């Protein structure tokens, strides 16, 4: 088993990140089954469902983190926090 996971640096932050993604997907699936979403138009230029906004928000948060890591020498947790806020904004008003 150890050799199968050797390709990835499974540090605690990486494990937390992927666990959070899995928990979000499970939560969104349960939410969708209990209360199906309807498309709506927010500040994004397209009509989106909750799942669309989650996907767009996760991609945007990833890009924010990459830009933060590439453009600053400040702690990466600040970039992660900004990415999380961007995700919340896209989920709520996107």
PDB file of N, CA and C in Angstrom:
ATOM      1  N   UNK A   1       0.827  -1.193   0.000  1.00  0.00           N
ATOM      2  CA  UNK A   1       0.000   0.000   0.000  1.00  0.00           C
ATOM      3  C   UNK A   1       0.871   1.255   0.000  1.00  0.00           C
ATOM      4  N   UNK A   2       1.965   1.204   0.751  1.00  0.00           N
ATOM      5  CA  UNK A   2       2.836   2.377   0.851  1.00  0.00           C
ATOM      6  C   UNK A   2       3.417   2.755  -0.511  1.00  0.00           C
ATOM      7  N   UNK A   3       3.781   1.776  -1.331  1.00  0.00           N
ATOM      8  CA  UNK A   3       4.343   2.060  -2.644  1.00  0.00           C
ATOM      9  C   UNK A   3       3.314   2.687  -3.579  1.00  0.00           C
ATOM     10  N   UNK A   4       2.045   2.336  -3.426  1.00  0.00           N
ATOM     11  CA  UNK A   4       1.013   2.903  -4.296  1.00  0.00           C
ATOM     12  C   UNK A   4       0.809   4.387  -4.028  1.00  0.00           C
ATOM     13  N   UNK A   5       1.098   4.859  -2.826  1.00  0.00           N
ATOM     14  CA  UNK A   5       0.908   6.258  -2.477  1.00  0.00           C
ATOM     15  C   UNK A   5       2.208   7.056  -2.511  1.00  0.00           C
ATOM     16  N   UNK A   6       3.302   6.421  -2.922  1.00  0.00           N
ATOM     17  CA  UNK A   6       4.601   7.084  -2.898  1.00  0.00           C
ATOM     18  C   UNK A   6       4.710   8.215  -3.915  1.00  0.00           C
ATOM     19  N   UNK A   7       3.881   8.219  -4.960  1.00  0.00           N
ATOM     20  CA  UNK A   7       3.957   9.253  -5.993  1.00  0.00           C
ATOM     21  C   UNK A   7       3.496  10.609  -5.476  1.00  0.00           C
ATOM     22  N   UNK A   8       2.767  10.648  -4.369  1.00  0.00           N
ATOM     23  CA  UNK A   8       2.188  11.889  -3.859  1.00  0.00           C
ATOM     24  C   UNK A   8       2.793  12.211  -2.497  1.00  0.00           C
ATOM     25  N   UNK A   9       3.064  13.477  -2.286  1.00  0.00           N
ATOM     26  CA  UNK A   9       3.581  13.914  -0.987  1.00  0.00           C
ATOM     27  C   UNK A   9       2.402  14.088  -0.037  1.00  0.00           C
ATOM     28  N   UNK A  10       2.044  13.033   0.661  1.00  0.00           N
ATOM     29  CA  UNK A  10       0.876  13.059   1.535  1.00  0.00           C
ATOM     30  C   UNK A  10       1.224  13.693   2.871  1.00  0.00           C
ATOM     31  N   UNK A  11       1.368  14.992   2.843  1.00  0.00           N
ATOM     32  CA  UNK A  11       1.579  15.740   4.071  1.00  0.00           C
ATOM     33  C   UNK A  11       0.217  16.019   4.691  1.00  0.00           C
ATOM     34  N   UNK A  12       0.156  16.392   5.953  1.00  0.00           N
ATOM     35  CA  UNK A  12      -1.141  16.698   6.564  1.00  0.00           C
ATOM     36  C   UNK A  12      -1.948  17.774   5.807  1.00  0.00           C
ATOM     37  N   UNK A  13      -1.341  18.893   5.337  1.00  0.00           N
ATOM     38  CA  UNK A  13      -2.147  19.864   4.588  1.00  0.00           C
ATOM     39  C   UNK A  13      -2.741  19.287   3.297  1.00  0.00           C
ATOM     40  N   UNK A  14      -1.986  18.427   2.609  1.00  0.00           N
ATOM     41  CA  UNK A  14      -2.493  17.811   1.382  1.00  0.00           C
ATOM     42  C   UNK A  14      -3.654  16.876   1.718  1.00  0.00           C
ATOM     43  N   UNK A  15      -3.512  16.091   2.760  1.00  0.00           N
ATOM     44  CA  UNK A  15      -4.581  15.181   3.174  1.00  0.00           C
ATOM     45  C   UNK A  15      -5.823  15.954   3.595  1.00  0.00           C
ATOM     46  N   UNK A  16      -5.648  17.052   4.316  1.00  0.00           N
ATOM     47  CA  UNK A  16      -6.784  17.885   4.727  1.00  0.00           C
ATOM     48  C   UNK A  16      -7.472  18.474   3.505  1.00  0.00           C
ATOM     49  N   UNK A  17      -6.680  18.962   2.545  1.00  0.00           N
ATOM     50  CA  UNK A  17      -7.237  19.546   1.329  1.00  0.00           C
ATOM     51  C   UNK A  17      -8.116  18.542   0.584  1.00  0.00           C
ATOM     52  N   UNK A  18      -7.576  17.360   0.300  1.00  0.00           N
ATOM     53  CA  UNK A  18      -8.346  16.374  -0.447  1.00  0.00           C
ATOM     54  C   UNK A  18      -9.527  15.845   0.357  1.00  0.00           C
ATOM     55  N   UNK A  19      -9.376  15.727   1.661  1.00  0.00           N
ATOM     56  CA  UNK A  19     -10.505  15.314   2.511  1.00  0.00           C
ATOM     57  C   UNK A  19     -11.618  16.356   2.462  1.00  0.00           C
ATOM     58  N   UNK A  20     -11.244  17.631   2.475  1.00  0.00           N
ATOM     59  CA  UNK A  20     -12.253  18.695   2.396  1.00  0.00           C
ATOM     60  C   UNK A  20     -12.991  18.652   1.063  1.00  0.00           C
ATOM     61  N   UNK A  21     -12.279  18.397  -0.028  1.00  0.00           N
ATOM     62  CA  UNK A  21     -12.918  18.293  -1.346  1.00  0.00           C
ATOM     63  C   UNK A  21     -13.900  17.132  -1.355  1.00  0.00           C
ATOM     64  N   UNK A  22     -13.485  15.988  -0.838  1.00  0.00           N
ATOM     65  CA  UNK A  22     -14.370  14.819  -0.801  1.00  0.00           C
ATOM     66  C   UNK A  22     -15.601  15.111   0.058  1.00  0.00           C
ATOM     67  N   UNK A  23     -15.404  15.732   1.210  1.00  0.00           N
ATOM     68  CA  UNK A  23     -16.547  16.062   2.073  1.00  0.00           C
ATOM     69  C   UNK A  23     -17.497  17.057   1.400  1.00  0.00           C
ATOM     70  N   UNK A  24     -16.935  18.029   0.670  1.00  0.00           N
ATOM     71  CA  UNK A  24     -17.794  18.972  -0.066  1.00  0.00           C
ATOM     72  C   UNK A  24     -18.619  18.257  -1.119  1.00  0.00           C
ATOM     73  N   UNK A  25     -17.997  17.342  -1.853  1.00  0.00           N
ATOM     74  CA  UNK A  25     -18.727  16.611  -2.887  1.00  0.00           C
ATOM     75  C   UNK A  25     -19.818  15.725  -2.282  1.00  0.00           C
ATOM     76  N   UNK A  26     -19.522  15.078  -1.174  1.00  0.00           N
ATOM     77  CA  UNK A  26     -20.532  14.252  -0.502  1.00  0.00           C
ATOM     78  C   UNK A  26     -21.671  15.137  -0.011  1.00  0.00           C
ATOM     79  N   UNK A  27     -21.328  16.252   0.620  1.00  0.00           N
ATOM     80  CA  UNK A  27     -22.354  17.175   1.108  1.00  0.00           C
ATOM     81  C   UNK A  27     -23.216  17.736  -0.010  1.00  0.00           C
ATOM     82  N   UNK A  28     -22.587  18.114  -1.121  1.00  0.00           N
ATOM     83  CA  UNK A  28     -23.351  18.652  -2.254  1.00  0.00           C
ATOM     84  C   UNK A  28     -24.262  17.582  -2.862  1.00  0.00           C
ATOM     85  N   UNK A  29     -23.790  16.332  -2.894  1.00  0.00           N
ATOM     86  CA  UNK A  29     -24.619  15.249  -3.423  1.00  0.00           C
ATOM     87  C   UNK A  29     -25.848  15.037  -2.550  1.00  0.00           C
ATOM     88  N   UNK A  30     -25.655  15.003  -1.245  1.00  0.00           N
ATOM     89  CA  UNK A  30     -26.791  14.839  -0.325  1.00  0.00           C
ATOM     90  C   UNK A  30     -27.748  16.017  -0.452  1.00  0.00           C
ATOM     91  N   UNK A  31     -27.202  17.236  -0.504  1.00  0.00           N
ATOM     92  CA  UNK A  31     -28.033  18.445  -0.646  1.00  0.00           C
ATOM     93  C   UNK A  31     -28.839  18.397  -1.942  1.00  0.00           C
ATOM     94  N   UNK A  32     -28.199  17.963  -3.029  1.00  0.00           N
ATOM     95  CA  UNK A  32     -28.878  17.893  -4.327  1.00  0.00           C
ATOM     96  C   UNK A  32     -29.993  16.847  -4.308  1.00  0.00           C
ATOM     97  N   UNK A  33     -29.772  15.727  -3.629  1.00  0.00           N
ATOM     98  CA  UNK A  33     -30.801  14.694  -3.548  1.00  0.00           C
ATOM     99  C   UNK A  33     -31.985  15.158  -2.695  1.00  0.00           C
ATOM    100  N   UNK A  34     -31.716  15.906  -1.632  1.00  0.00           N
ATOM    101  CA  UNK A  34     -32.786  16.382  -0.746  1.00  0.00           C
ATOM    102  C   UNK A  34     -33.540  17.572  -1.325  1.00  0.00           C
ATOM    103  N   UNK A  35     -32.814  18.467  -2.001  1.00  0.00           N
ATOM    104  CA  UNK A  35     -33.422  19.680  -2.562  1.00  0.00           C
ATOM    105  C   UNK A  35     -32.755  19.996  -3.897  1.00  0.00           C
ATOM    106  N   UNK A  36     -33.312  19.439  -4.981  1.00  0.00           N
ATOM    107  CA  UNK A  36     -32.699  19.679  -6.299  1.00  0.00           C
ATOM    108  C   UNK A  36     -32.564  21.184  -6.589  1.00  0.00           C
ATOM    109  N   UNK A  37     -31.428  21.540  -7.145  1.00  0.00           N
ATOM    110  CA  UNK A  37     -31.190  22.958  -7.415  1.00  0.00           C
ATOM    111  C   UNK A  37     -31.824  23.368  -8.741  1.00  0.00           C
ATOM    112  N   UNK A  38     -32.071  24.638  -8.843  1.00  0.00           N
ATOM    113  CA  UNK A  38     -32.569  25.222 -10.084  1.00  0.00           C
ATOM    114  C   UNK A  38     -31.515  26.207 -10.579  1.00  0.00           C
ATOM    115  N   UNK A  39     -31.454  26.359 -11.890  1.00  0.00           N
ATOM    116  CA  UNK A  39     -30.492  27.311 -12.434  1.00  0.00           C
ATOM    117  C   UNK A  39     -30.885  28.726 -12.048  1.00  0.00           C
ATOM    118  N   UNK A  40     -29.876  29.534 -11.753  1.00  0.00           N
ATOM    119  CA  UNK A  40     -30.121  30.947 -11.473  1.00  0.00           C
ATOM    120  C   UNK A  40     -28.977  31.771 -12.018  1.00  0.00           C
ATOM    121  N   UNK A  41     -29.227  33.035 -12.172  1.00  0.00           N
ATOM    122  CA  UNK A  41     -28.222  33.950 -12.715  1.00  0.00           C
ATOM    123  C   UNK A  41     -27.749  34.859 -11.601  1.00  0.00           C
ATOM    124  N   UNK A  42     -26.458  34.825 -11.325  1.00  0.00           N
ATOM    125  CA  UNK A  42     -25.841  35.716 -10.357  1.00  0.00           C
ATOM    126  C   UNK A  42     -24.895  36.641 -11.085  1.00  0.00           C
ATOM    127  N   UNK A  43     -23.748  36.934 -10.483  1.00  0.00           N
ATOM    128  CA  UNK A  43     -22.794  37.811 -11.148  1.00  0.00           C
ATOM    129  C   UNK A  43     -21.988  37.091 -12.231  1.00  0.00           C
ATOM    130  N   UNK A  44     -22.032  35.749 -12.252  1.00  0.00           N
ATOM    131  CA  UNK A  44     -21.361  35.022 -13.327  1.00  0.00           C
ATOM    132  C   UNK A  44     -22.136  35.234 -14.631  1.00  0.00           C
ATOM    133  N   UNK A  45     -21.460  35.227 -15.778  1.00  0.00           N
ATOM    134  CA  UNK A  45     -22.139  35.530 -17.039  1.00  0.00           C
ATOM    135  C   UNK A  45     -23.001  34.398 -17.593  1.00  0.00           C
ATOM    136  N   UNK A  46     -23.207  33.339 -16.810  1.00  0.00           N
ATOM    137  CA  UNK A  46     -24.036  32.209 -17.246  1.00  0.00           C
ATOM    138  C   UNK A  46     -24.983  31.825 -16.127  1.00  0.00           C
ATOM    139  N   UNK A  47     -26.052  31.139 -16.481  1.00  0.00           N
ATOM    140  CA  UNK A  47     -26.947  30.571 -15.465  1.00  0.00           C
ATOM    141  C   UNK A  47     -26.275  29.319 -14.904  1.00  0.00           C
ATOM    142  N   UNK A  48     -26.287  29.183 -13.576  1.00  0.00           N
ATOM    143  CA  UNK A  48     -25.584  28.076 -12.941  1.00  0.00           C
ATOM    144  C   UNK A  48     -26.435  27.397 -11.881  1.00  0.00           C
ATOM    145  N   UNK A  49     -26.098  26.142 -11.617  1.00  0.00           N
ATOM    146  CA  UNK A  49     -26.675  25.411 -10.503  1.00  0.00           C
ATOM    147  C   UNK A  49     -25.649  25.424  -9.363  1.00  0.00           C
ATOM    148  N   UNK A  50     -26.010  24.867  -8.210  1.00  0.00           N
ATOM    149  CA  UNK A  50     -25.064  24.787  -7.085  1.00  0.00           C
ATOM    150  C   UNK A  50     -23.792  24.046  -7.475  1.00  0.00           C
ATOM    151  N   UNK A  51     -23.946  22.940  -8.175  1.00  0.00           N
ATOM    152  CA  UNK A  51     -22.788  22.152  -8.587  1.00  0.00           C
ATOM    153  C   UNK A  51     -21.874  22.925  -9.531  1.00  0.00           C
ATOM    154  N   UNK A  52     -22.478  23.673 -10.453  1.00  0.00           N
ATOM    155  CA  UNK A  52     -21.677  24.510 -11.357  1.00  0.00           C
ATOM    156  C   UNK A  52     -20.879  25.536 -10.569  1.00  0.00           C
ATOM    157  N   UNK A  53     -21.540  26.172  -9.612  1.00  0.00           N
ATOM    158  CA  UNK A  53     -20.866  27.195  -8.815  1.00  0.00           C
ATOM    159  C   UNK A  53     -19.765  26.592  -7.946  1.00  0.00           C
ATOM    160  N   UNK A  54     -19.982  25.374  -7.430  1.00  0.00           N
ATOM    161  CA  UNK A  54     -18.923  24.705  -6.660  1.00  0.00           C
ATOM    162  C   UNK A  54     -17.714  24.454  -7.553  1.00  0.00           C
ATOM    163  N   UNK A  55     -17.943  23.926  -8.742  1.00  0.00           N
ATOM    164  CA  UNK A  55     -16.847  23.643  -9.670  1.00  0.00           C
ATOM    165  C   UNK A  55     -16.099  24.922 -10.048  1.00  0.00           C
ATOM    166  N   UNK A  56     -16.828  25.969 -10.420  1.00  0.00           N
ATOM    167  CA  UNK A  56     -16.208  27.238 -10.787  1.00  0.00           C
ATOM    168  C   UNK A  56     -15.473  27.830  -9.588  1.00  0.00           C
ATOM    169  N   UNK A  57     -16.068  27.752  -8.407  1.00  0.00           N
ATOM    170  CA  UNK A  57     -15.431  28.277  -7.205  1.00  0.00           C
ATOM    171  C   UNK A  57     -14.159  27.532  -6.844  1.00  0.00           C
ATOM    172  N   UNK A  58     -14.159  26.201  -6.979  1.00  0.00           N
ATOM    173  CA  UNK A  58     -12.956  25.419  -6.691  1.00  0.00           C
ATOM    174  C   UNK A  58     -11.837  25.747  -7.676  1.00  0.00           C
ATOM    175  N   UNK A  59     -12.182  25.874  -8.951  1.00  0.00           N
ATOM    176  CA  UNK A  59     -11.166  26.249  -9.943  1.00  0.00           C
ATOM    177  C   UNK A  59     -10.603  27.634  -9.646  1.00  0.00           C
ATOM    178  N   UNK A  60     -11.477  28.570  -9.327  1.00  0.00           N
ATOM    179  CA  UNK A  60     -11.035  29.930  -9.029  1.00  0.00           C
ATOM    180  C   UNK A  60     -10.141  29.943  -7.788  1.00  0.00           C
ATOM    181  N   UNK A  61     -10.536  29.210  -6.756  1.00  0.00           N
ATOM    182  CA  UNK A  61      -9.726  29.137  -5.539  1.00  0.00           C
ATOM    183  C   UNK A  61      -8.356  28.530  -5.839  1.00  0.00           C
ATOM    184  N   UNK A  62      -8.311  27.529  -6.710  1.00  0.00           N
ATOM    185  CA  UNK A  62      -7.032  26.922  -7.082  1.00  0.00           C
ATOM    186  C   UNK A  62      -6.144  27.943  -7.789  1.00  0.00           C
ATOM    187  N   UNK A  63      -6.714  28.719  -8.696  1.00  0.00           N
ATOM    188  CA  UNK A  63      -5.931  29.739  -9.399  1.00  0.00           C
ATOM    189  C   UNK A  63      -5.464  30.833  -8.449  1.00  0.00           C
ATOM    190  N   UNK A  64      -6.311  31.216  -7.508  1.00  0.00           N
ATOM    191  CA  UNK A  64      -5.900  32.212  -6.507  1.00  0.00           C
ATOM    192  C   UNK A  64      -4.697  31.689  -5.727  1.00  0.00           C
ATOM    193  N   UNK A  65      -4.737  30.424  -5.329  1.00  0.00           N
ATOM    194  CA  UNK A  65      -3.619  29.827  -4.593  1.00  0.00           C
ATOM    195  C   UNK A  65      -2.348  29.777  -5.438  1.00  0.00           C
ATOM    196  N   UNK A  66      -2.482  29.429  -6.708  1.00  0.00           N
ATOM    197  CA  UNK A  66      -1.310  29.383  -7.577  1.00  0.00           C
ATOM    198  C   UNK A  66      -0.703  30.767  -7.769  1.00  0.00           C
ATOM    199  N   UNK A  67      -1.552  31.757  -7.985  1.00  0.00           N
ATOM    200  CA  UNK A  67      -1.054  33.123  -8.145  1.00  0.00           C
ATOM    201  C   UNK A  67      -0.386  33.585  -6.859  1.00  0.00           C
ATOM    202  N   UNK A  68      -1.012  33.291  -5.727  1.00  0.00           N
ATOM    203  CA  UNK A  68      -0.442  33.676  -4.436  1.00  0.00           C
ATOM    204  C   UNK A  68       0.937  33.046  -4.252  1.00  0.00           C
ATOM    205  N   UNK A  69       1.044  31.762  -4.535  1.00  0.00           N
ATOM    206  CA  UNK A  69       2.314  31.062  -4.356  1.00  0.00           C
ATOM    207  C   UNK A  69       3.380  31.589  -5.314  1.00  0.00           C
ATOM    208  N   UNK A  70       2.973  31.957  -6.514  1.00  0.00           N
ATOM    209  CA  UNK A  70       3.932  32.409  -7.504  1.00  0.00           C
ATOM    210  C   UNK A  70       4.329  33.869  -7.392  1.00  0.00           C
ATOM    211  N   UNK A  71       3.485  34.699  -6.782  1.00  0.00           N
ATOM    212  CA  UNK A  71       3.724  36.137  -6.789  1.00  0.00           C
ATOM    213  C   UNK A  71       4.134  36.714  -5.445  1.00  0.00           C
ATOM    214  N   UNK A  72       3.997  35.951  -4.380  1.00  0.00           N
ATOM    215  CA  UNK A  72       4.332  36.491  -3.060  1.00  0.00           C
ATOM    216  C   UNK A  72       5.238  35.525  -2.309  1.00  0.00           C
ATOM    217  N   UNK A  73       5.864  36.057  -1.298  1.00  0.00           N
ATOM    218  CA  UNK A  73       6.681  35.242  -0.393  1.00  0.00           C
ATOM    219  C   UNK A  73       5.955  35.049   0.941  1.00  0.00           C
ATOM    220  N   UNK A  74       4.734  35.543   1.025  1.00  0.00           N
ATOM    221  CA  UNK A  74       3.967  35.445   2.260  1.00  0.00           C
ATOM    222  C   UNK A  74       3.481  34.019   2.466  1.00  0.00           C
ATOM    223  N   UNK A  75       3.028  33.724   3.668  1.00  0.00           N
ATOM    224  CA  UNK A  75       2.599  32.369   4.039  1.00  0.00           C
ATOM    225  C   UNK A  75       1.452  31.906   3.147  1.00  0.00           C
ATOM    226  N   UNK A  76       1.510  30.663   2.735  1.00  0.00           N
ATOM    227  CA  UNK A  76       0.496  30.114   1.826  1.00  0.00           C
ATOM    228  C   UNK A  76      -0.879  30.039   2.470  1.00  0.00           C
ATOM    229  N   UNK A  77      -0.953  30.001   3.788  1.00  0.00           N
ATOM    230  CA  UNK A  77      -2.258  29.953   4.458  1.00  0.00           C
ATOM    231  C   UNK A  77      -3.077  31.198   4.146  1.00  0.00           C
ATOM    232  N   UNK A  78      -2.424  32.322   3.927  1.00  0.00           N
ATOM    233  CA  UNK A  78      -3.147  33.553   3.566  1.00  0.00           C
ATOM    234  C   UNK A  78      -3.777  33.372   2.192  1.00  0.00           C
ATOM    235  N   UNK A  79      -3.039  32.831   1.252  1.00  0.00           N
ATOM    236  CA  UNK A  79      -3.584  32.561  -0.082  1.00  0.00           C
ATOM    237  C   UNK A  79      -4.728  31.562  -0.040  1.00  0.00           C
ATOM    238  N   UNK A  80      -4.594  30.548   0.812  1.00  0.00           N
ATOM    239  CA  UNK A  80      -5.658  29.556   0.959  1.00  0.00           C
ATOM    240  C   UNK A  80      -6.915  30.199   1.540  1.00  0.00           C
ATOM    241  N   UNK A  81      -6.735  31.101   2.505  1.00  0.00           N
ATOM    242  CA  UNK A  81      -7.888  31.796   3.102  1.00  0.00           C
ATOM    243  C   UNK A  81      -8.584  32.681   2.064  1.00  0.00           C
ATOM    244  N   UNK A  82      -7.798  33.378   1.261  1.00  0.00           N
ATOM    245  CA  UNK A  82      -8.388  34.214   0.208  1.00  0.00           C
ATOM    246  C   UNK A  82      -9.134  33.333  -0.792  1.00  0.00           C
ATOM    247  N   UNK A  83      -8.543  32.203  -1.181  1.00  0.00           N
ATOM    248  CA  UNK A  83      -9.209  31.272  -2.088  1.00  0.00           C
ATOM    249  C   UNK A  83     -10.510  30.749  -1.515  1.00  0.00           C
ATOM    250  N   UNK A  84     -10.523  30.469  -0.210  1.00  0.00           N
ATOM    251  CA  UNK A  84     -11.749  29.985   0.436  1.00  0.00           C
ATOM    252  C   UNK A  84     -12.835  31.057   0.416  1.00  0.00           C
ATOM    253  N   UNK A  85     -12.457  32.299   0.667  1.00  0.00           N
ATOM    254  CA  UNK A  85     -13.427  33.400   0.619  1.00  0.00           C
ATOM    255  C   UNK A  85     -13.983  33.546  -0.794  1.00  0.00           C
ATOM    256  N   UNK A  86     -13.108  33.431  -1.798  1.00  0.00           N
ATOM    257  CA  UNK A  86     -13.558  33.507  -3.192  1.00  0.00           C
ATOM    258  C   UNK A  86     -14.547  32.381  -3.481  1.00  0.00           C
ATOM    259  N   UNK A  87     -14.253  31.175  -2.997  1.00  0.00           N
ATOM    260  CA  UNK A  87     -15.171  30.047  -3.170  1.00  0.00           C
ATOM    261  C   UNK A  87     -16.530  30.346  -2.548  1.00  0.00           C
ATOM    262  N   UNK A  88     -16.531  30.888  -1.335  1.00  0.00           N
ATOM    263  CA  UNK A  88     -17.796  31.218  -0.678  1.00  0.00           C
ATOM    264  C   UNK A  88     -18.574  32.278  -1.453  1.00  0.00           C
ATOM    265  N   UNK A  89     -17.882  33.284  -1.975  1.00  0.00           N
ATOM    266  CA  UNK A  89     -18.541  34.348  -2.731  1.00  0.00           C
ATOM    267  C   UNK A  89     -19.177  33.772  -4.007  1.00  0.00           C
ATOM    268  N   UNK A  90     -18.433  32.922  -4.709  1.00  0.00           N
ATOM    269  CA  UNK A  90     -18.982  32.311  -5.936  1.00  0.00           C
ATOM    270  C   UNK A  90     -20.175  31.426  -5.603  1.00  0.00           C
ATOM    271  N   UNK A  91     -20.085  30.656  -4.517  1.00  0.00           N
ATOM    272  CA  UNK A  91     -21.209  29.788  -4.144  1.00  0.00           C
ATOM    273  C   UNK A  91     -22.454  30.593  -3.767  1.00  0.00           C
ATOM    274  N   UNK A  92     -22.266  31.705  -3.103  1.00  0.00           N
ATOM    275  CA  UNK A  92     -23.414  32.480  -2.618  1.00  0.00           C
ATOM    276  C   UNK A  92     -24.009  33.403  -3.689  1.00  0.00           C
ATOM    277  N   UNK A  93     -23.143  34.150  -4.385  1.00  0.00           N
ATOM    278  CA  UNK A  93     -23.651  35.190  -5.288  1.00  0.00           C
ATOM    279  C   UNK A  93     -23.345  34.944  -6.758  1.00  0.00           C
ATOM    280  N   UNK A  94     -22.627  33.861  -7.059  1.00  0.00           N
ATOM    281  CA  UNK A  94     -22.231  33.598  -8.447  1.00  0.00           C
ATOM    282  C   UNK A  94     -23.306  33.087  -9.260  1.00  0.00           C
TER     283      UNK A  94
END
